[in-house]
N, C-alpha and C. Protein backbone atom coordinates (compact mmCIF):
# COMPACT_ATOMS: atom_id res chain seq x y z
N MET A 1 7.68 8.37 -21.34
CA MET A 1 7.33 7.45 -20.29
C MET A 1 8.58 6.74 -19.80
N LYS A 2 8.68 6.63 -18.52
CA LYS A 2 9.80 5.92 -17.90
C LYS A 2 9.37 4.47 -17.69
N LYS A 3 10.15 3.51 -18.20
CA LYS A 3 9.86 2.09 -18.03
C LYS A 3 10.95 1.47 -17.16
N PHE A 4 10.54 0.65 -16.20
CA PHE A 4 11.47 0.03 -15.28
C PHE A 4 11.64 -1.44 -15.64
N ARG A 5 12.89 -1.91 -15.67
CA ARG A 5 13.17 -3.30 -16.02
C ARG A 5 12.93 -4.25 -14.87
N GLY A 6 13.21 -3.82 -13.67
CA GLY A 6 13.10 -4.70 -12.53
C GLY A 6 11.78 -4.57 -11.80
N THR A 7 11.65 -5.36 -10.77
CA THR A 7 10.42 -5.31 -9.97
C THR A 7 10.62 -4.52 -8.68
N LEU A 8 11.85 -4.11 -8.40
CA LEU A 8 12.10 -3.34 -7.19
C LEU A 8 12.02 -1.85 -7.51
N ILE A 9 10.95 -1.22 -7.08
CA ILE A 9 10.74 0.21 -7.31
C ILE A 9 10.83 0.92 -5.96
N GLY A 10 11.59 1.99 -5.91
CA GLY A 10 11.75 2.75 -4.68
C GLY A 10 11.08 4.11 -4.79
N ILE A 11 10.56 4.57 -3.67
CA ILE A 11 9.99 5.92 -3.58
C ILE A 11 10.68 6.62 -2.42
N ASP A 12 11.26 7.77 -2.69
CA ASP A 12 11.90 8.57 -1.66
C ASP A 12 11.24 9.94 -1.68
N GLN A 13 11.27 10.62 -0.55
CA GLN A 13 10.67 11.95 -0.51
C GLN A 13 11.41 12.82 0.49
N GLY A 14 11.26 14.12 0.32
CA GLY A 14 11.93 15.04 1.22
C GLY A 14 11.33 16.42 1.15
N SER A 15 11.85 17.29 1.99
CA SER A 15 11.39 18.67 2.07
C SER A 15 12.60 19.54 2.35
N ALA A 16 12.62 20.75 1.77
CA ALA A 16 13.75 21.65 1.97
C ALA A 16 13.27 23.09 2.02
N LEU A 17 13.70 23.82 3.04
CA LEU A 17 13.49 25.25 3.07
C LEU A 17 14.59 25.83 2.18
N LEU A 18 14.21 26.40 1.05
CA LEU A 18 15.20 26.86 0.07
C LEU A 18 15.88 28.16 0.50
N PHE A 19 15.13 29.04 1.12
CA PHE A 19 15.70 30.28 1.63
C PHE A 19 14.67 30.97 2.52
N SER A 20 15.17 31.91 3.32
CA SER A 20 14.33 32.74 4.17
C SER A 20 14.92 34.15 4.13
N ASP A 21 14.74 34.84 2.99
CA ASP A 21 15.44 36.09 2.70
C ASP A 21 14.88 37.32 3.41
N PHE A 22 13.68 37.25 3.93
CA PHE A 22 13.13 38.44 4.60
C PHE A 22 13.85 38.72 5.91
N GLU A 23 14.43 37.69 6.51
CA GLU A 23 15.11 37.85 7.81
C GLU A 23 16.39 38.67 7.72
N ASP A 24 17.10 38.52 6.59
CA ASP A 24 18.39 39.21 6.47
C ASP A 24 18.49 40.08 5.22
N GLY A 25 17.35 40.42 4.62
CA GLY A 25 17.37 41.29 3.44
C GLY A 25 18.03 40.66 2.24
N GLY A 26 17.84 39.35 2.08
CA GLY A 26 18.44 38.61 0.97
C GLY A 26 17.92 39.02 -0.39
N GLN A 27 18.58 38.53 -1.42
CA GLN A 27 18.32 38.91 -2.81
C GLN A 27 16.89 38.62 -3.28
N MET A 28 16.29 37.51 -2.84
CA MET A 28 14.93 37.20 -3.27
C MET A 28 13.91 38.20 -2.71
N TRP A 29 14.22 38.79 -1.56
CA TRP A 29 13.30 39.75 -0.93
C TRP A 29 13.58 41.18 -1.37
N THR A 30 14.84 41.53 -1.54
CA THR A 30 15.19 42.93 -1.85
C THR A 30 15.56 43.16 -3.30
N GLY A 31 15.88 42.12 -4.05
CA GLY A 31 16.36 42.27 -5.42
C GLY A 31 15.23 42.41 -6.43
N SER A 32 15.62 42.55 -7.68
CA SER A 32 14.67 42.58 -8.79
C SER A 32 15.34 41.94 -10.00
N GLY A 33 14.54 41.66 -11.01
CA GLY A 33 15.07 40.99 -12.19
C GLY A 33 15.19 39.49 -11.95
N PRO A 34 15.86 38.79 -12.86
CA PRO A 34 16.00 37.34 -12.72
C PRO A 34 16.86 36.96 -11.51
N ARG A 35 16.34 36.05 -10.69
CA ARG A 35 17.06 35.55 -9.51
C ARG A 35 16.77 34.07 -9.37
N ALA A 36 17.74 33.31 -8.87
CA ALA A 36 17.54 31.88 -8.69
C ALA A 36 18.31 31.38 -7.48
N VAL A 37 17.77 30.32 -6.86
CA VAL A 37 18.43 29.62 -5.76
C VAL A 37 18.49 28.16 -6.15
N ARG A 38 19.66 27.54 -5.95
CA ARG A 38 19.87 26.13 -6.27
C ARG A 38 20.29 25.41 -5.00
N ILE A 39 19.59 24.31 -4.69
CA ILE A 39 19.86 23.52 -3.49
C ILE A 39 20.07 22.06 -3.89
N GLN A 40 21.15 21.46 -3.42
CA GLN A 40 21.41 20.04 -3.68
C GLN A 40 20.54 19.18 -2.77
N ALA A 41 19.83 18.22 -3.32
CA ALA A 41 19.04 17.25 -2.56
C ALA A 41 19.63 15.86 -2.79
N ARG A 42 19.77 15.08 -1.73
CA ARG A 42 20.33 13.73 -1.82
C ARG A 42 19.25 12.72 -1.45
N PHE A 43 19.22 11.61 -2.17
CA PHE A 43 18.30 10.53 -1.84
C PHE A 43 18.82 9.77 -0.63
N SER A 44 17.92 9.13 0.11
CA SER A 44 18.34 8.39 1.30
C SER A 44 19.18 7.16 0.94
N GLU A 45 18.99 6.65 -0.27
CA GLU A 45 19.89 5.63 -0.84
C GLU A 45 19.82 5.76 -2.35
N SER A 46 20.83 5.24 -3.01
CA SER A 46 20.91 5.40 -4.47
C SER A 46 19.88 4.55 -5.19
N PHE A 47 19.39 5.08 -6.30
CA PHE A 47 18.55 4.32 -7.23
C PHE A 47 19.48 3.61 -8.21
N ARG A 48 18.94 2.64 -8.96
CA ARG A 48 19.73 1.94 -9.97
C ARG A 48 20.05 2.87 -11.13
N THR A 49 19.07 3.66 -11.53
CA THR A 49 19.19 4.65 -12.60
C THR A 49 18.56 5.95 -12.10
N PRO A 50 18.77 7.07 -12.78
CA PRO A 50 18.13 8.31 -12.33
C PRO A 50 16.60 8.15 -12.28
N PRO A 51 15.99 8.50 -11.15
CA PRO A 51 14.54 8.34 -11.00
C PRO A 51 13.77 9.51 -11.61
N VAL A 52 12.48 9.39 -11.59
CA VAL A 52 11.60 10.50 -11.94
C VAL A 52 11.43 11.32 -10.66
N VAL A 53 11.59 12.63 -10.74
CA VAL A 53 11.46 13.50 -9.57
C VAL A 53 10.36 14.51 -9.81
N GLN A 54 9.45 14.61 -8.85
CA GLN A 54 8.37 15.60 -8.87
C GLN A 54 8.61 16.56 -7.71
N ALA A 55 8.69 17.85 -8.00
CA ALA A 55 8.90 18.86 -6.95
C ALA A 55 7.72 19.83 -6.94
N SER A 56 7.37 20.30 -5.75
CA SER A 56 6.27 21.25 -5.63
C SER A 56 6.55 22.23 -4.49
N ILE A 57 5.98 23.40 -4.59
CA ILE A 57 6.11 24.39 -3.52
C ILE A 57 5.12 24.01 -2.43
N SER A 58 5.63 23.80 -1.23
CA SER A 58 4.76 23.41 -0.11
C SER A 58 4.50 24.58 0.84
N MET A 59 5.29 25.65 0.72
CA MET A 59 5.05 26.86 1.51
C MET A 59 5.67 28.02 0.75
N TRP A 60 4.90 29.08 0.61
CA TRP A 60 5.46 30.30 0.03
C TRP A 60 5.01 31.49 0.83
N ASP A 61 5.89 32.45 0.92
CA ASP A 61 5.64 33.69 1.65
C ASP A 61 6.10 34.80 0.71
N MET A 62 5.13 35.48 0.10
CA MET A 62 5.43 36.49 -0.91
C MET A 62 4.75 37.81 -0.57
N ASP A 63 5.36 38.88 -1.04
CA ASP A 63 4.80 40.21 -0.87
C ASP A 63 3.56 40.36 -1.75
N ARG A 64 2.46 40.78 -1.16
CA ARG A 64 1.23 40.93 -1.93
C ARG A 64 1.21 42.21 -2.77
N ALA A 65 2.15 43.12 -2.54
CA ALA A 65 2.17 44.38 -3.28
C ALA A 65 2.84 44.25 -4.65
N THR A 66 3.50 43.11 -4.92
CA THR A 66 4.16 42.91 -6.21
C THR A 66 3.59 41.65 -6.87
N ASN A 67 3.89 41.48 -8.14
CA ASN A 67 3.45 40.29 -8.85
C ASN A 67 4.12 39.05 -8.28
N MET A 68 3.36 37.97 -8.16
CA MET A 68 3.90 36.71 -7.65
C MET A 68 4.33 35.85 -8.83
N ARG A 69 5.63 35.74 -9.01
CA ARG A 69 6.19 34.96 -10.10
C ARG A 69 7.10 33.89 -9.49
N ALA A 70 6.89 32.64 -9.87
CA ALA A 70 7.69 31.56 -9.29
C ALA A 70 7.83 30.41 -10.27
N ASP A 71 9.01 29.82 -10.28
CA ASP A 71 9.26 28.62 -11.06
C ASP A 71 10.10 27.69 -10.21
N LEU A 72 9.67 26.44 -10.09
CA LEU A 72 10.40 25.43 -9.32
C LEU A 72 10.64 24.24 -10.23
N SER A 73 11.87 23.74 -10.25
CA SER A 73 12.18 22.59 -11.08
C SER A 73 13.23 21.71 -10.42
N ALA A 74 13.29 20.46 -10.88
CA ALA A 74 14.33 19.51 -10.47
C ALA A 74 15.26 19.35 -11.66
N GLU A 75 16.55 19.61 -11.45
CA GLU A 75 17.54 19.54 -12.53
C GLU A 75 18.69 18.64 -12.12
N GLU A 76 19.50 18.26 -13.09
CA GLU A 76 20.72 17.47 -12.85
C GLU A 76 20.41 16.22 -12.03
N ILE A 77 19.37 15.49 -12.41
CA ILE A 77 18.94 14.30 -11.68
C ILE A 77 19.90 13.15 -11.95
N THR A 78 20.41 12.56 -10.87
CA THR A 78 21.28 11.38 -10.95
C THR A 78 20.67 10.30 -10.06
N ALA A 79 21.31 9.15 -10.02
CA ALA A 79 20.84 8.07 -9.15
C ALA A 79 21.02 8.42 -7.67
N GLU A 80 21.87 9.40 -7.36
CA GLU A 80 22.15 9.76 -5.97
C GLU A 80 21.41 11.01 -5.48
N GLY A 81 20.95 11.87 -6.38
CA GLY A 81 20.29 13.10 -5.96
C GLY A 81 19.99 14.01 -7.14
N PHE A 82 19.68 15.26 -6.83
CA PHE A 82 19.32 16.23 -7.87
C PHE A 82 19.46 17.63 -7.30
N VAL A 83 19.23 18.62 -8.13
CA VAL A 83 19.29 20.02 -7.72
C VAL A 83 17.88 20.61 -7.82
N LEU A 84 17.39 21.15 -6.71
CA LEU A 84 16.13 21.90 -6.69
C LEU A 84 16.45 23.33 -7.08
N VAL A 85 15.72 23.87 -8.06
CA VAL A 85 15.96 25.24 -8.52
C VAL A 85 14.68 26.04 -8.40
N PHE A 86 14.74 27.13 -7.61
CA PHE A 86 13.63 28.07 -7.52
C PHE A 86 14.08 29.36 -8.17
N SER A 87 13.22 29.92 -9.04
CA SER A 87 13.56 31.20 -9.65
C SER A 87 12.35 32.11 -9.69
N THR A 88 12.65 33.40 -9.74
CA THR A 88 11.63 34.43 -9.88
C THR A 88 12.23 35.54 -10.73
N TRP A 89 11.44 36.54 -11.09
CA TRP A 89 11.92 37.60 -11.96
C TRP A 89 11.05 38.85 -11.76
N GLY A 90 11.42 39.90 -12.46
CA GLY A 90 10.66 41.14 -12.38
C GLY A 90 10.75 41.76 -10.98
N ASP A 91 9.62 42.30 -10.53
CA ASP A 91 9.60 42.98 -9.22
C ASP A 91 9.12 42.08 -8.09
N SER A 92 8.99 40.77 -8.33
CA SER A 92 8.51 39.85 -7.30
C SER A 92 9.40 39.89 -6.07
N ARG A 93 8.75 39.91 -4.90
CA ARG A 93 9.47 39.88 -3.61
C ARG A 93 9.07 38.60 -2.90
N VAL A 94 10.04 37.69 -2.77
CA VAL A 94 9.78 36.39 -2.17
C VAL A 94 10.52 36.32 -0.84
N ALA A 95 9.75 36.17 0.24
CA ALA A 95 10.36 36.12 1.57
C ALA A 95 10.97 34.75 1.85
N ARG A 96 10.21 33.69 1.56
CA ARG A 96 10.73 32.34 1.78
C ARG A 96 9.92 31.32 0.99
N ILE A 97 10.59 30.20 0.73
CA ILE A 97 10.01 29.10 -0.05
C ILE A 97 10.44 27.78 0.57
N ARG A 98 9.49 26.87 0.73
CA ARG A 98 9.80 25.48 1.08
C ARG A 98 9.30 24.62 -0.06
N ALA A 99 10.09 23.64 -0.45
CA ALA A 99 9.71 22.72 -1.52
C ALA A 99 9.72 21.29 -1.00
N ASP A 100 8.73 20.51 -1.43
CA ASP A 100 8.68 19.08 -1.16
C ASP A 100 8.96 18.35 -2.47
N TRP A 101 9.51 17.16 -2.38
CA TRP A 101 9.80 16.39 -3.58
C TRP A 101 9.55 14.90 -3.35
N THR A 102 9.28 14.21 -4.44
CA THR A 102 9.11 12.77 -4.45
C THR A 102 9.89 12.20 -5.63
N ALA A 103 10.65 11.15 -5.38
CA ALA A 103 11.41 10.47 -6.43
C ALA A 103 10.93 9.03 -6.52
N ILE A 104 10.70 8.57 -7.74
CA ILE A 104 10.26 7.19 -7.98
C ILE A 104 11.18 6.58 -9.03
N GLY A 105 11.77 5.44 -8.70
CA GLY A 105 12.68 4.83 -9.65
C GLY A 105 13.05 3.40 -9.29
N GLU A 106 13.82 2.83 -10.18
CA GLU A 106 14.26 1.44 -10.07
C GLU A 106 15.39 1.31 -9.06
N LEU A 107 15.31 0.29 -8.20
CA LEU A 107 16.36 -0.01 -7.22
C LEU A 107 17.17 -1.21 -7.68
N GLU A 108 18.37 -1.32 -7.15
CA GLU A 108 19.19 -2.50 -7.41
C GLU A 108 18.50 -3.72 -6.79
N ASP A 109 18.53 -4.83 -7.50
CA ASP A 109 17.98 -6.09 -7.00
C ASP A 109 19.12 -6.89 -6.39
N PRO A 110 19.14 -7.06 -5.06
CA PRO A 110 20.26 -7.79 -4.44
C PRO A 110 20.31 -9.26 -4.86
N ASP A 111 19.22 -9.80 -5.39
CA ASP A 111 19.20 -11.19 -5.82
C ASP A 111 19.54 -11.35 -7.30
N ALA A 112 19.73 -10.24 -8.03
CA ALA A 112 20.03 -10.33 -9.47
C ALA A 112 21.47 -10.79 -9.65
N TRP A 113 21.69 -11.60 -10.64
CA TRP A 113 23.02 -12.10 -10.95
C TRP A 113 23.76 -11.07 -11.79
N GLN A 114 24.99 -10.81 -11.43
CA GLN A 114 25.84 -9.91 -12.21
C GLN A 114 26.77 -10.76 -13.07
N VAL A 115 26.58 -10.72 -14.38
CA VAL A 115 27.43 -11.47 -15.30
C VAL A 115 28.35 -10.49 -16.01
N ASP A 116 29.63 -10.72 -15.87
CA ASP A 116 30.62 -9.81 -16.50
C ASP A 116 31.14 -10.38 -17.79
């Protein structure tokens, strides 16, 4: 469980088209075996500490003739941003993926006293 010390809680959200490989014969559409795409996402402003990030697939376009295998995660979470990672494996053919995300975390309190 994430516990916040302050009363200022921020919520940020975003959306990212991770790839569109069917247009140019990219690796997710034409390849096989383990494949991954990593996209840097930045928050609109920094959190005080790394927030909790929830990511989900909001659009997928996959070949129905192969198994649909997908994994989406948020990695390397910092107060400024994180990395969205989409991966697939085997014979899955993924044309394109869009991911949405929400971050919830503690913000700096401009009225808090800084004692050094």
